[in-house]
């Protein structure tokens, strides 16, 4: 899962796509479809620049729909075919030790001895 910041600044992150050609970098014909989980709010970003960074590919993307404490589905395409897909979690917290949960205050967990269950 990729962690992103909830802003409209350019963000650079590394991915490992399905195929990494050893020549032809940097690519500038990558497109990205971003879909917000739950609302299906969608953004399409074209002409993303991808550069080779060791065993990874670095992409620079400027998002406009990211909101704090939400998750998103990312699907990169190159030459009109699927190149990479992943989930992203958006948070303004930068402490790696903080535990994040998407379900805060969404359910109550009850403990009744040996049987544990969740009531939605």
Protein backbone atom coordinates (compact mmCIF):
# COMPACT_ATOMS: atom_id res chain seq x y z
CA UNK A 1 0.00 0.00 0.00
CA UNK A 2 1.24 3.46 -0.91
CA UNK A 3 1.01 6.28 1.64
CA UNK A 4 0.20 9.72 0.24
CA UNK A 5 -0.29 13.22 1.65
CA UNK A 6 -3.66 15.00 1.38
CA UNK A 7 -2.49 17.95 -0.72
CA UNK A 8 -2.25 19.12 -4.31
CA UNK A 9 1.57 19.25 -4.42
CA UNK A 10 3.57 16.92 -6.64
CA UNK A 11 4.27 13.62 -4.86
CA UNK A 12 6.98 11.17 -5.91
CA UNK A 13 6.77 7.49 -4.99
CA UNK A 14 8.32 4.22 -6.19
CA UNK A 15 6.48 1.30 -7.77
CA UNK A 16 7.40 -2.07 -9.26
CA UNK A 17 5.33 -2.36 -12.45
CA UNK A 18 4.54 -5.52 -14.39
CA UNK A 19 7.35 -4.89 -16.85
CA UNK A 20 10.38 -2.64 -16.57
CA UNK A 21 12.11 -2.11 -19.90
CA UNK A 22 15.78 -1.37 -19.34
CA UNK A 23 15.83 1.35 -21.96
CA UNK A 24 13.59 4.19 -23.03
CA UNK A 25 13.43 5.99 -19.68
CA UNK A 26 12.10 8.45 -18.78
CA UNK A 27 8.60 7.50 -19.94
CA UNK A 28 6.05 10.26 -20.26
CA UNK A 29 3.08 8.33 -21.62
CA UNK A 30 1.81 6.84 -18.35
CA UNK A 31 -1.80 7.43 -17.31
CA UNK A 32 -3.35 6.93 -13.89
CA UNK A 33 -6.92 6.41 -12.76
CA UNK A 34 -7.52 7.19 -9.06
CA UNK A 35 -10.78 6.02 -7.46
CA UNK A 36 -11.78 6.91 -3.90
CA UNK A 37 -13.00 3.91 -1.90
CA UNK A 38 -16.61 4.21 -0.81
CA UNK A 39 -17.65 7.16 -2.98
CA UNK A 40 -16.17 6.06 -6.34
CA UNK A 41 -15.03 9.64 -6.93
CA UNK A 42 -12.62 9.36 -9.86
CA UNK A 43 -9.69 11.31 -11.28
CA UNK A 44 -7.71 10.51 -14.43
CA UNK A 45 -4.17 11.85 -14.76
CA UNK A 46 -2.34 11.65 -18.10
CA UNK A 47 1.25 12.20 -19.24
CA UNK A 48 2.86 11.07 -15.98
CA UNK A 49 6.66 10.96 -16.10
CA UNK A 50 8.27 7.74 -14.88
CA UNK A 51 12.01 7.33 -14.31
CA UNK A 52 14.09 4.28 -13.49
CA UNK A 53 15.38 4.28 -9.89
CA UNK A 54 17.43 1.12 -9.35
CA UNK A 55 14.99 -1.79 -9.19
CA UNK A 56 12.03 0.58 -8.92
CA UNK A 57 10.23 3.07 -11.15
CA UNK A 58 9.72 6.53 -9.67
CA UNK A 59 6.57 8.38 -10.68
CA UNK A 60 5.73 12.03 -10.05
CA UNK A 61 2.02 12.70 -9.67
CA UNK A 62 -0.06 15.73 -8.72
CA UNK A 63 -3.46 14.70 -7.32
CA UNK A 64 -6.50 16.92 -6.86
CA UNK A 65 -9.03 14.63 -5.11
CA UNK A 66 -7.10 13.29 -2.11
CA UNK A 67 -8.70 13.77 1.30
CA UNK A 68 -7.22 12.98 4.69
CA UNK A 69 -7.79 9.50 6.21
CA UNK A 70 -9.24 7.94 3.04
CA UNK A 71 -8.10 5.08 0.85
CA UNK A 72 -7.86 5.01 -2.93
CA UNK A 73 -7.45 2.52 -5.75
CA UNK A 74 -4.63 3.38 -8.20
CA UNK A 75 -4.37 1.90 -11.69
CA UNK A 76 -1.47 2.91 -13.95
CA UNK A 77 -1.62 2.24 -17.70
CA UNK A 78 1.13 2.33 -20.30
CA UNK A 79 0.41 1.94 -24.00
CA UNK A 80 -3.30 1.42 -23.17
CA UNK A 81 -2.64 -1.69 -21.08
CA UNK A 82 -2.47 -2.27 -17.34
CA UNK A 83 1.02 -1.47 -16.04
CA UNK A 84 0.60 -1.34 -12.24
CA UNK A 85 -2.21 -1.28 -9.67
CA UNK A 86 -2.20 -0.73 -5.94
CA UNK A 87 -4.07 0.80 -3.03
CA UNK A 88 -3.12 4.11 -1.43
CA UNK A 89 -3.87 5.46 2.03
CA UNK A 90 -3.93 9.24 2.47
CA UNK A 91 -2.84 10.69 5.79
CA UNK A 92 -1.18 13.88 6.98
CA UNK A 93 0.62 11.98 9.74
CA UNK A 94 4.27 11.31 8.97
CA UNK A 95 5.13 9.15 12.02
CA UNK A 96 5.76 5.60 10.76
CA UNK A 97 5.00 4.15 14.21
CA UNK A 98 1.37 5.41 14.28
CA UNK A 99 -1.22 2.68 13.74
CA UNK A 100 -3.91 3.67 11.23
CA UNK A 101 -7.35 2.21 10.90
CA UNK A 102 -10.05 3.00 8.39
CA UNK A 103 -12.75 1.70 10.74
CA UNK A 104 -12.35 4.15 13.64
CA UNK A 105 -15.79 4.63 15.26
CA UNK A 106 -17.43 2.52 12.56
CA UNK A 107 -18.21 -0.55 14.67
CA UNK A 108 -18.29 -1.78 18.24
CA UNK A 109 -16.25 -4.81 19.19
CA UNK A 110 -17.53 -6.98 22.02
CA UNK A 111 -15.52 -9.60 23.83
CA UNK A 112 -17.51 -12.41 25.42
CA UNK A 113 -15.03 -14.99 26.62
CA UNK A 114 -13.79 -17.39 23.98
CA UNK A 115 -16.13 -16.22 21.21
CA UNK A 116 -15.25 -12.89 19.66
CA UNK A 117 -17.50 -11.17 17.18
CA UNK A 118 -18.11 -7.77 15.62
CA UNK A 119 -21.54 -6.15 15.41
CA UNK A 120 -22.00 -3.79 12.48
